[in-house]
PDB file of N, CA and C in Angstrom:
ATOM      1  N   UNK A   1      -0.582  23.277  -2.521  1.00  0.00           N
ATOM      2  CA  UNK A   1      -2.275  22.722  -2.166  1.00  0.00           C
ATOM      3  C   UNK A   1      -2.519  21.303  -2.989  1.00  0.00           C
ATOM      4  N   UNK A   2      -2.386  21.472  -4.134  1.00  0.00           N
ATOM      5  CA  UNK A   2      -2.768  20.154  -5.073  1.00  0.00           C
ATOM      6  C   UNK A   2      -2.052  18.890  -4.522  1.00  0.00           C
ATOM      7  N   UNK A   3      -0.656  18.919  -4.473  1.00  0.00           N
ATOM      8  CA  UNK A   3       0.201  18.145  -4.083  1.00  0.00           C
ATOM      9  C   UNK A   3       0.025  17.325  -3.196  1.00  0.00           C
ATOM     10  N   UNK A   4      -0.221  18.130  -1.965  1.00  0.00           N
ATOM     11  CA  UNK A   4      -0.259  17.729  -0.573  1.00  0.00           C
ATOM     12  C   UNK A   4      -1.857  16.950  -0.819  1.00  0.00           C
ATOM     13  N   UNK A   5      -2.784  17.383  -1.477  1.00  0.00           N
ATOM     14  CA  UNK A   5      -4.494  16.922  -1.387  1.00  0.00           C
ATOM     15  C   UNK A   5      -3.913  15.306  -2.180  1.00  0.00           C
ATOM     16  N   UNK A   6      -2.993  15.491  -3.270  1.00  0.00           N
ATOM     17  CA  UNK A   6      -3.076  14.320  -4.518  1.00  0.00           C
ATOM     18  C   UNK A   6      -2.528  13.102  -3.230  1.00  0.00           C
ATOM     19  N   UNK A   7      -1.723  13.696  -2.034  1.00  0.00           N
ATOM     20  CA  UNK A   7      -0.742  12.870  -1.282  1.00  0.00           C
ATOM     21  C   UNK A   7      -1.433  12.370  -0.228  1.00  0.00           C
ATOM     22  N   UNK A   8      -2.674  13.036   0.178  1.00  0.00           N
ATOM     23  CA  UNK A   8      -3.084  12.826   1.263  1.00  0.00           C
ATOM     24  C   UNK A   8      -4.343  11.641   0.938  1.00  0.00           C
ATOM     25  N   UNK A   9      -4.553  11.759  -0.346  1.00  0.00           N
ATOM     26  CA  UNK A   9      -5.285  10.824  -1.215  1.00  0.00           C
ATOM     27  C   UNK A   9      -4.977   9.345  -1.266  1.00  0.00           C
ATOM     28  N   UNK A  10      -3.449   9.487  -1.774  1.00  0.00           N
ATOM     29  CA  UNK A  10      -2.825   8.413  -2.035  1.00  0.00           C
ATOM     30  C   UNK A  10      -2.722   7.391  -0.475  1.00  0.00           C
ATOM     31  N   UNK A  11      -2.407   8.056   0.391  1.00  0.00           N
ATOM     32  CA  UNK A  11      -2.270   8.008   1.704  1.00  0.00           C
ATOM     33  C   UNK A  11      -3.392   7.274   1.957  1.00  0.00           C
ATOM     34  N   UNK A  12      -4.565   8.076   2.369  1.00  0.00           N
ATOM     35  CA  UNK A  12      -5.759   6.996   2.665  1.00  0.00           C
ATOM     36  C   UNK A  12      -6.462   5.910   1.320  1.00  0.00           C
ATOM     37  N   UNK A  13      -5.901   5.732   0.495  1.00  0.00           N
ATOM     38  CA  UNK A  13      -5.641   5.300  -0.848  1.00  0.00           C
ATOM     39  C   UNK A  13      -5.090   3.624  -0.166  1.00  0.00           C
ATOM     40  N   UNK A  14      -3.976   4.083   0.070  1.00  0.00           N
ATOM     41  CA  UNK A  14      -3.034   2.728   0.596  1.00  0.00           C
ATOM     42  C   UNK A  14      -3.933   2.373   1.894  1.00  0.00           C
ATOM     43  N   UNK A  15      -3.963   2.912   2.708  1.00  0.00           N
ATOM     44  CA  UNK A  15      -4.567   2.285   4.129  1.00  0.00           C
ATOM     45  C   UNK A  15      -6.101   1.298   3.761  1.00  0.00           C
ATOM     46  N   UNK A  16      -7.009   1.992   2.780  1.00  0.00           N
ATOM     47  CA  UNK A  16      -7.949   1.162   2.649  1.00  0.00           C
ATOM     48  C   UNK A  16      -7.851   0.191   1.729  1.00  0.00           C
ATOM     49  N   UNK A  17      -6.558   0.032   1.040  1.00  0.00           N
ATOM     50  CA  UNK A  17      -6.368  -1.417   0.076  1.00  0.00           C
ATOM     51  C   UNK A  17      -5.151  -2.017   1.245  1.00  0.00           C
ATOM     52  N   UNK A  18      -5.055  -2.063   2.741  1.00  0.00           N
ATOM     53  CA  UNK A  18      -4.518  -2.709   3.274  1.00  0.00           C
ATOM     54  C   UNK A  18      -3.103  -2.296   4.021  1.00  0.00           C
ATOM     55  N   UNK A  19      -2.573  -1.176   3.583  1.00  0.00           N
ATOM     56  CA  UNK A  19      -1.392  -0.633   3.706  1.00  0.00           C
ATOM     57  C   UNK A  19      -1.300  -1.240   4.991  1.00  0.00           C
ATOM     58  N   UNK A  20      -1.821  -0.433   5.695  1.00  0.00           N
ATOM     59  CA  UNK A  20      -1.261  -0.425   7.167  1.00  0.00           C
ATOM     60  C   UNK A  20      -0.924  -1.562   7.928  1.00  0.00           C
ATOM     61  N   UNK A  21      -1.844  -2.490   7.561  1.00  0.00           N
ATOM     62  CA  UNK A  21      -1.024  -4.253   7.902  1.00  0.00           C
ATOM     63  C   UNK A  21       0.318  -4.862   7.225  1.00  0.00           C
ATOM     64  N   UNK A  22      -0.077  -4.618   5.955  1.00  0.00           N
ATOM     65  CA  UNK A  22       1.100  -5.211   5.143  1.00  0.00           C
ATOM     66  C   UNK A  22       2.296  -4.496   4.844  1.00  0.00           C
ATOM     67  N   UNK A  23       2.586  -3.156   4.824  1.00  0.00           N
ATOM     68  CA  UNK A  23       3.287  -2.106   5.397  1.00  0.00           C
ATOM     69  C   UNK A  23       3.415  -0.853   6.157  1.00  0.00           C
ATOM     70  N   UNK A  24       3.475  -1.438   7.684  1.00  0.00           N
ATOM     71  CA  UNK A  24       3.283  -0.215   8.479  1.00  0.00           C
ATOM     72  C   UNK A  24       3.913   0.630   8.468  1.00  0.00           C
ATOM     73  N   UNK A  25       5.581   0.325   8.245  1.00  0.00           N
ATOM     74  CA  UNK A  25       6.673   1.397   8.382  1.00  0.00           C
ATOM     75  C   UNK A  25       6.457   2.220   7.225  1.00  0.00           C
ATOM     76  N   UNK A  26       6.107   1.751   5.838  1.00  0.00           N
ATOM     77  CA  UNK A  26       6.120   2.949   4.701  1.00  0.00           C
ATOM     78  C   UNK A  26       5.181   3.793   5.086  1.00  0.00           C
ATOM     79  N   UNK A  27       3.627   3.195   5.417  1.00  0.00           N
ATOM     80  CA  UNK A  27       2.949   4.062   5.728  1.00  0.00           C
ATOM     81  C   UNK A  27       2.812   5.151   7.113  1.00  0.00           C
ATOM     82  N   UNK A  28       3.586   4.467   7.899  1.00  0.00           N
ATOM     83  CA  UNK A  28       3.967   5.619   8.870  1.00  0.00           C
ATOM     84  C   UNK A  28       5.093   6.935   7.960  1.00  0.00           C
ATOM     85  N   UNK A  29       5.958   6.690   7.731  1.00  0.00           N
ATOM     86  CA  UNK A  29       6.781   7.328   6.777  1.00  0.00           C
ATOM     87  C   UNK A  29       5.772   8.510   6.119  1.00  0.00           C
ATOM     88  N   UNK A  30       4.903   7.781   5.075  1.00  0.00           N
ATOM     89  CA  UNK A  30       4.203   8.470   4.536  1.00  0.00           C
ATOM     90  C   UNK A  30       3.644   9.397   4.927  1.00  0.00           C
ATOM     91  N   UNK A  31       3.119   9.075   6.241  1.00  0.00           N
ATOM     92  CA  UNK A  31       1.922   9.936   7.006  1.00  0.00           C
ATOM     93  C   UNK A  31       2.633  10.997   7.818  1.00  0.00           C
ATOM     94  N   UNK A  32       4.099  10.520   7.990  1.00  0.00           N
ATOM     95  CA  UNK A  32       4.815  11.838   8.695  1.00  0.00           C
ATOM     96  C   UNK A  32       5.342  12.709   7.492  1.00  0.00           C
ATOM     97  N   UNK A  33       5.677  12.363   6.692  1.00  0.00           N
ATOM     98  CA  UNK A  33       5.460  13.052   5.199  1.00  0.00           C
ATOM     99  C   UNK A  33       4.739  13.912   5.176  1.00  0.00           C
ATOM    100  N   UNK A  34       3.596  13.476   4.899  1.00  0.00           N
ATOM    101  CA  UNK A  34       2.619  14.287   4.715  1.00  0.00           C
ATOM    102  C   UNK A  34       1.952  15.709   5.835  1.00  0.00           C
ATOM    103  N   UNK A  35       2.433  15.106   7.148  1.00  0.00           N
ATOM    104  CA  UNK A  35       2.065  16.108   8.045  1.00  0.00           C
ATOM    105  C   UNK A  35       3.135  16.791   8.015  1.00  0.00           C
ATOM    106  N   UNK A  36       4.339  16.722   7.695  1.00  0.00           N
ATOM    107  CA  UNK A  36       5.526  17.384   7.472  1.00  0.00           C
ATOM    108  C   UNK A  36       4.867  18.561   6.342  1.00  0.00           C
ATOM    109  N   UNK A  37       4.534  18.120   5.324  1.00  0.00           N
ATOM    110  CA  UNK A  37       4.185  18.847   4.322  1.00  0.00           C
ATOM    111  C   UNK A  37       3.526  19.733   4.272  1.00  0.00           C
ATOM    112  N   UNK A  38       2.284  19.617   5.606  1.00  0.00           N
ATOM    113  CA  UNK A  38       1.214  20.612   5.823  1.00  0.00           C
ATOM    114  C   UNK A  38       1.522  21.462   6.665  1.00  0.00           C
ATOM    115  N   UNK A  39       2.359  21.249   7.455  1.00  0.00           N
ATOM    116  CA  UNK A  39       3.263  22.058   8.370  1.00  0.00           C
ATOM    117  C   UNK A  39       4.264  23.074   7.529  1.00  0.00           C
ATOM    118  N   UNK A  40       4.759  22.107   6.342  1.00  0.00           N
ATOM    119  CA  UNK A  40       5.746  23.559   5.642  1.00  0.00           C
ATOM    120  C   UNK A  40       4.720  24.283   4.840  1.00  0.00           C
ATOM    121  N   UNK A  41       3.359  23.928   4.218  1.00  0.00           N
ATOM    122  CA  UNK A  41       2.743  24.902   3.715  1.00  0.00           C
ATOM    123  C   UNK A  41       2.303  26.084   4.462  1.00  0.00           C
ATOM    124  N   UNK A  42       1.948  25.734   5.670  1.00  0.00           N
ATOM    125  CA  UNK A  42       1.308  26.756   6.463  1.00  0.00           C
ATOM    126  C   UNK A  42       2.287  28.001   7.033  1.00  0.00           C
ATOM    127  N   UNK A  43       3.457  27.317   6.760  1.00  0.00           N
ATOM    128  CA  UNK A  43       4.525  28.330   6.914  1.00  0.00           C
ATOM    129  C   UNK A  43       5.485  28.697   5.771  1.00  0.00           C
ATOM    130  N   UNK A  44       4.398  28.300   4.954  1.00  0.00           N
ATOM    131  CA  UNK A  44       4.630  29.151   3.438  1.00  0.00           C
ATOM    132  C   UNK A  44       6.458  28.676   2.749  1.00  0.00           C
ATOM    133  N   UNK A  45       6.348  27.458   3.281  1.00  0.00           N
ATOM    134  CA  UNK A  45       7.801  26.960   2.344  1.00  0.00           C
ATOM    135  C   UNK A  45       7.378  25.524   1.344  1.00  0.00           C
ATOM    136  N   UNK A  46       7.130  26.588   0.353  1.00  0.00           N
ATOM    137  CA  UNK A  46       6.293  25.840  -0.650  1.00  0.00           C
ATOM    138  C   UNK A  46       6.907  24.459  -1.164  1.00  0.00           C
ATOM    139  N   UNK A  47       8.615  24.803  -1.618  1.00  0.00           N
ATOM    140  CA  UNK A  47       9.276  23.834  -1.599  1.00  0.00           C
ATOM    141  C   UNK A  47       9.871  22.608  -1.265  1.00  0.00           C
ATOM    142  N   UNK A  48       9.847  23.273   0.227  1.00  0.00           N
ATOM    143  CA  UNK A  48       9.863  21.800   1.161  1.00  0.00           C
ATOM    144  C   UNK A  48       8.677  20.802   1.217  1.00  0.00           C
ATOM    145  N   UNK A  49       7.584  21.545   0.982  1.00  0.00           N
ATOM    146  CA  UNK A  49       6.267  20.962   0.917  1.00  0.00           C
ATOM    147  C   UNK A  49       5.550  19.932  -0.270  1.00  0.00           C
ATOM    148  N   UNK A  50       6.402  20.625  -1.616  1.00  0.00           N
ATOM    149  CA  UNK A  50       6.154  20.060  -2.606  1.00  0.00           C
ATOM    150  C   UNK A  50       6.878  18.418  -2.422  1.00  0.00           C
ATOM    151  N   UNK A  51       8.091  19.177  -1.864  1.00  0.00           N
ATOM    152  CA  UNK A  51       8.967  18.028  -2.311  1.00  0.00           C
ATOM    153  C   UNK A  51       8.622  16.786  -0.832  1.00  0.00           C
ATOM    154  N   UNK A  52       8.051  16.809  -0.375  1.00  0.00           N
ATOM    155  CA  UNK A  52       7.497  16.317   1.025  1.00  0.00           C
ATOM    156  C   UNK A  52       5.913  15.686   0.801  1.00  0.00           C
ATOM    157  N   UNK A  53       5.709  16.092  -0.022  1.00  0.00           N
ATOM    158  CA  UNK A  53       4.373  15.400  -0.576  1.00  0.00           C
ATOM    159  C   UNK A  53       4.575  14.754  -1.701  1.00  0.00           C
ATOM    160  N   UNK A  54       5.247  14.876  -2.607  1.00  0.00           N
ATOM    161  CA  UNK A  54       5.978  13.835  -3.478  1.00  0.00           C
ATOM    162  C   UNK A  54       6.238  12.541  -3.080  1.00  0.00           C
ATOM    163  N   UNK A  55       7.245  12.874  -1.862  1.00  0.00           N
ATOM    164  CA  UNK A  55       7.625  11.780  -0.911  1.00  0.00           C
ATOM    165  C   UNK A  55       6.567  10.860  -0.196  1.00  0.00           C
ATOM    166  N   UNK A  56       5.766  11.758   0.239  1.00  0.00           N
ATOM    167  CA  UNK A  56       4.714  11.091   0.902  1.00  0.00           C
ATOM    168  C   UNK A  56       3.824  10.219   0.006  1.00  0.00           C
ATOM    169  N   UNK A  57       3.766  10.644  -1.509  1.00  0.00           N
ATOM    170  CA  UNK A  57       3.013   9.805  -2.039  1.00  0.00           C
ATOM    171  C   UNK A  57       3.632   8.560  -3.054  1.00  0.00           C
ATOM    172  N   UNK A  58       4.841   8.618  -2.754  1.00  0.00           N
ATOM    173  CA  UNK A  58       5.402   7.449  -3.490  1.00  0.00           C
ATOM    174  C   UNK A  58       5.593   6.513  -2.202  1.00  0.00           C
ATOM    175  N   UNK A  59       5.772   6.770  -1.117  1.00  0.00           N
ATOM    176  CA  UNK A  59       5.879   5.798   0.091  1.00  0.00           C
ATOM    177  C   UNK A  59       4.395   5.102   0.541  1.00  0.00           C
ATOM    178  N   UNK A  60       3.470   6.067   0.033  1.00  0.00           N
ATOM    179  CA  UNK A  60       2.018   5.241   0.308  1.00  0.00           C
ATOM    180  C   UNK A  60       1.815   4.341  -0.949  1.00  0.00           C
ATOM    181  N   UNK A  61       2.378   4.637  -2.031  1.00  0.00           N
ATOM    182  CA  UNK A  61       1.967   3.910  -3.012  1.00  0.00           C
ATOM    183  C   UNK A  61       3.113   2.572  -3.088  1.00  0.00           C
ATOM    184  N   UNK A  62       4.240   2.931  -2.191  1.00  0.00           N
ATOM    185  CA  UNK A  62       4.536   1.704  -2.039  1.00  0.00           C
ATOM    186  C   UNK A  62       4.128   0.807  -1.130  1.00  0.00           C
ATOM    187  N   UNK A  63       3.526   1.250   0.047  1.00  0.00           N
ATOM    188  CA  UNK A  63       2.874   0.661   0.942  1.00  0.00           C
ATOM    189  C   UNK A  63       1.290  -0.110   0.179  1.00  0.00           C
ATOM    190  N   UNK A  64       0.949   0.526  -0.731  1.00  0.00           N
ATOM    191  CA  UNK A  64      -0.248  -0.032  -1.129  1.00  0.00           C
ATOM    192  C   UNK A  64       0.036  -1.078  -1.821  1.00  0.00           C
ATOM    193  N   UNK A  65       1.166  -1.024  -2.959  1.00  0.00           N
ATOM    194  CA  UNK A  65       1.900  -2.086  -3.652  1.00  0.00           C
ATOM    195  C   UNK A  65       2.309  -3.007  -2.955  1.00  0.00           C
ATOM    196  N   UNK A  66       2.651  -3.386  -1.818  1.00  0.00           N
ATOM    197  CA  UNK A  66       3.260  -4.148  -0.668  1.00  0.00           C
ATOM    198  C   UNK A  66       1.653  -5.197  -0.374  1.00  0.00           C
ATOM    199  N   UNK A  67       0.465  -4.256  -0.112  1.00  0.00           N
ATOM    200  CA  UNK A  67      -0.290  -4.825   0.489  1.00  0.00           C
ATOM    201  C   UNK A  67      -1.235  -5.528  -0.866  1.00  0.00           C
ATOM    202  N   UNK A  68      -1.364  -5.363  -2.237  1.00  0.00           N
ATOM    203  CA  UNK A  68      -1.479  -5.797  -2.999  1.00  0.00           C
ATOM    204  C   UNK A  68      -0.808  -7.252  -3.059  1.00  0.00           C
ATOM    205  N   UNK A  69       0.181  -6.703  -3.205  1.00  0.00           N
ATOM    206  CA  UNK A  69       1.112  -7.858  -3.222  1.00  0.00           C
ATOM    207  C   UNK A  69       1.262  -9.475  -2.381  1.00  0.00           C
ATOM    208  N   UNK A  70       0.684  -8.841  -1.304  1.00  0.00           N
ATOM    209  CA  UNK A  70       0.361  -9.839  -0.268  1.00  0.00           C
ATOM    210  C   UNK A  70      -0.911 -10.449  -0.440  1.00  0.00           C
ATOM    211  N   UNK A  71      -2.090  -9.584  -1.162  1.00  0.00           N
ATOM    212  CA  UNK A  71      -2.999 -10.202  -1.338  1.00  0.00           C
ATOM    213  C   UNK A  71      -3.273 -11.300  -2.719  1.00  0.00           C
ATOM    214  N   UNK A  72      -2.387 -10.711  -3.452  1.00  0.00           N
ATOM    215  CA  UNK A  72      -2.095 -11.614  -4.387  1.00  0.00           C
ATOM    216  C   UNK A  72      -1.494 -13.238  -3.885  1.00  0.00           C
ATOM    217  N   UNK A  73      -0.355 -12.789  -3.514  1.00  0.00           N
ATOM    218  CA  UNK A  73       0.025 -14.215  -2.462  1.00  0.00           C
ATOM    219  C   UNK A  73      -0.526 -14.932  -2.149  1.00  0.00           C
ATOM    220  N   UNK A  74      -1.644 -14.374  -1.392  1.00  0.00           N
ATOM    221  CA  UNK A  74      -2.626 -15.358  -0.478  1.00  0.00           C
ATOM    222  C   UNK A  74      -3.614 -16.163  -1.531  1.00  0.00           C
ATOM    223  N   UNK A  75      -4.040 -15.494  -2.538  1.00  0.00           N
ATOM    224  CA  UNK A  75      -4.973 -15.734  -3.155  1.00  0.00           C
ATOM    225  C   UNK A  75      -4.557 -16.999  -4.324  1.00  0.00           C
ATOM    226  N   UNK A  76      -3.027 -16.918  -4.449  1.00  0.00           N
ATOM    227  CA  UNK A  76      -1.771 -17.889  -5.166  1.00  0.00           C
ATOM    228  C   UNK A  76      -2.186 -19.001  -4.444  1.00  0.00           C
ATOM    229  N   UNK A  77      -2.118 -18.797  -2.880  1.00  0.00           N
ATOM    230  CA  UNK A  77      -1.589 -19.697  -1.965  1.00  0.00           C
ATOM    231  C   UNK A  77      -2.831 -20.899  -1.919  1.00  0.00           C
ATOM    232  N   UNK A  78      -3.868 -19.926  -1.862  1.00  0.00           N
ATOM    233  CA  UNK A  78      -5.184 -20.825  -2.013  1.00  0.00           C
ATOM    234  C   UNK A  78      -5.845 -21.633  -3.439  1.00  0.00           C
ATOM    235  N   UNK A  79      -4.705 -20.815  -4.093  1.00  0.00           N
ATOM    236  CA  UNK A  79      -5.243 -21.487  -5.467  1.00  0.00           C
ATOM    237  C   UNK A  79      -4.584 -22.855  -5.915  1.00  0.00           C
ATOM    238  N   UNK A  80      -3.556 -22.761  -5.032  1.00  0.00           N
ATOM    239  CA  UNK A  80      -2.592 -23.896  -5.095  1.00  0.00           C
ATOM    240  C   UNK A  80      -2.906 -25.215  -4.440  1.00  0.00           C
ATOM    241  N   UNK A  81      -3.575 -24.738  -3.352  1.00  0.00           N
ATOM    242  CA  UNK A  81      -4.000 -25.899  -2.006  1.00  0.00           C
ATOM    243  C   UNK A  81      -5.225 -26.308  -2.841  1.00  0.00           C
ATOM    244  N   UNK A  82      -6.027 -25.658  -3.118  1.00  0.00           N
ATOM    245  CA  UNK A  82      -7.166 -25.857  -4.333  1.00  0.00           C
ATOM    246  C   UNK A  82      -7.134 -27.269  -5.333  1.00  0.00           C
ATOM    247  N   UNK A  83      -5.735 -26.524  -6.147  1.00  0.00           N
ATOM    248  CA  UNK A  83      -5.656 -27.701  -7.192  1.00  0.00           C
ATOM    249  C   UNK A  83      -4.698 -28.822  -6.840  1.00  0.00           C
ATOM    250  N   UNK A  84      -4.070 -28.632  -5.501  1.00  0.00           N
ATOM    251  CA  UNK A  84      -3.468 -29.990  -5.012  1.00  0.00           C
ATOM    252  C   UNK A  84      -4.884 -30.884  -4.187  1.00  0.00           C
ATOM    253  N   UNK A  85      -5.779 -30.439  -3.484  1.00  0.00           N
ATOM    254  CA  UNK A  85      -6.968 -31.160  -3.559  1.00  0.00           C
ATOM    255  C   UNK A  85      -7.664 -31.767  -4.447  1.00  0.00           C
ATOM    256  N   UNK A  86      -7.825 -31.175  -5.890  1.00  0.00           N
ATOM    257  CA  UNK A  86      -8.716 -31.486  -6.810  1.00  0.00           C
ATOM    258  C   UNK A  86      -7.447 -32.614  -7.054  1.00  0.00           C
ATOM    259  N   UNK A  87      -6.231 -32.637  -7.589  1.00  0.00           N
ATOM    260  CA  UNK A  87      -5.318 -33.307  -7.825  1.00  0.00           C
ATOM    261  C   UNK A  87      -5.756 -34.865  -7.244  1.00  0.00           C
ATOM    262  N   UNK A  88      -5.738 -34.153  -5.899  1.00  0.00           N
ATOM    263  CA  UNK A  88      -5.527 -35.963  -4.914  1.00  0.00           C
ATOM    264  C   UNK A  88      -7.274 -36.518  -5.351  1.00  0.00           C
ATOM    265  N   UNK A  89      -8.064 -35.659  -5.246  1.00  0.00           N
ATOM    266  CA  UNK A  89      -9.058 -36.182  -5.334  1.00  0.00           C
ATOM    267  C   UNK A  89      -9.437 -37.086  -6.753  1.00  0.00           C
ATOM    268  N   UNK A  90      -8.497 -36.501  -8.047  1.00  0.00           N
ATOM    269  CA  UNK A  90      -8.766 -37.211  -9.183  1.00  0.00           C
ATOM    270  C   UNK A  90      -7.951 -38.829  -8.923  1.00  0.00           C
ATOM    271  N   UNK A  91      -6.594 -38.224  -8.593  1.00  0.00           N
ATOM    272  CA  UNK A  91      -5.761 -39.597  -8.595  1.00  0.00           C
ATOM    273  C   UNK A  91      -6.908 -40.476  -7.578  1.00  0.00           C
ATOM    274  N   UNK A  92      -7.242 -40.344  -6.355  1.00  0.00           N
ATOM    275  CA  UNK A  92      -8.453 -41.218  -5.806  1.00  0.00           C
ATOM    276  C   UNK A  92      -9.309 -42.030  -6.536  1.00  0.00           C
ATOM    277  N   UNK A  93     -10.156 -41.030  -7.256  1.00  0.00           N
ATOM    278  CA  UNK A  93     -10.968 -41.593  -7.945  1.00  0.00           C
ATOM    279  C   UNK A  93     -10.631 -42.791  -9.075  1.00  0.00           C
ATOM    280  N   UNK A  94      -9.021 -42.672  -9.803  1.00  0.00           N
ATOM    281  CA  UNK A  94      -8.869 -43.110 -10.655  1.00  0.00           C
ATOM    282  C   UNK A  94      -8.358 -44.429 -10.363  1.00  0.00           C
ATOM    283  N   UNK A  95      -7.983 -44.755  -9.071  1.00  0.00           N
ATOM    284  CA  UNK A  95      -7.365 -45.782  -8.620  1.00  0.00           C
ATOM    285  C   UNK A  95      -8.179 -47.319  -8.221  1.00  0.00           C
TER     286      UNK A  95
END
C-alpha cells in the first residue's frame, strides 16, 4: 500500500511540475503502471504491485526531470536574449 501511495504522489507531483506537457509518454507509462499496480493489489499479487509501483515512480520522476529541464532551458534562453539586448544597448550607447 505504501509503495503504491508513494508512486501515486510521484505521478501527481510530476503532473504538477508540467510532466504531462514535457514528457507525455513517460506520464502515460507511469499512470499505466500505477493503475496496474492497483489492480495487482486488489488481487493480492503484492510482489507485482510493488514492482509496478516502483517502476511508476521512476517513470514519474523521469517525466518531472524532463519538465524541470525544459523550464530551465527556457529560462536560460530568456536570460541569453536579455543579455544580448543589453550588450547591443551598451554598444549602441558607446558609439
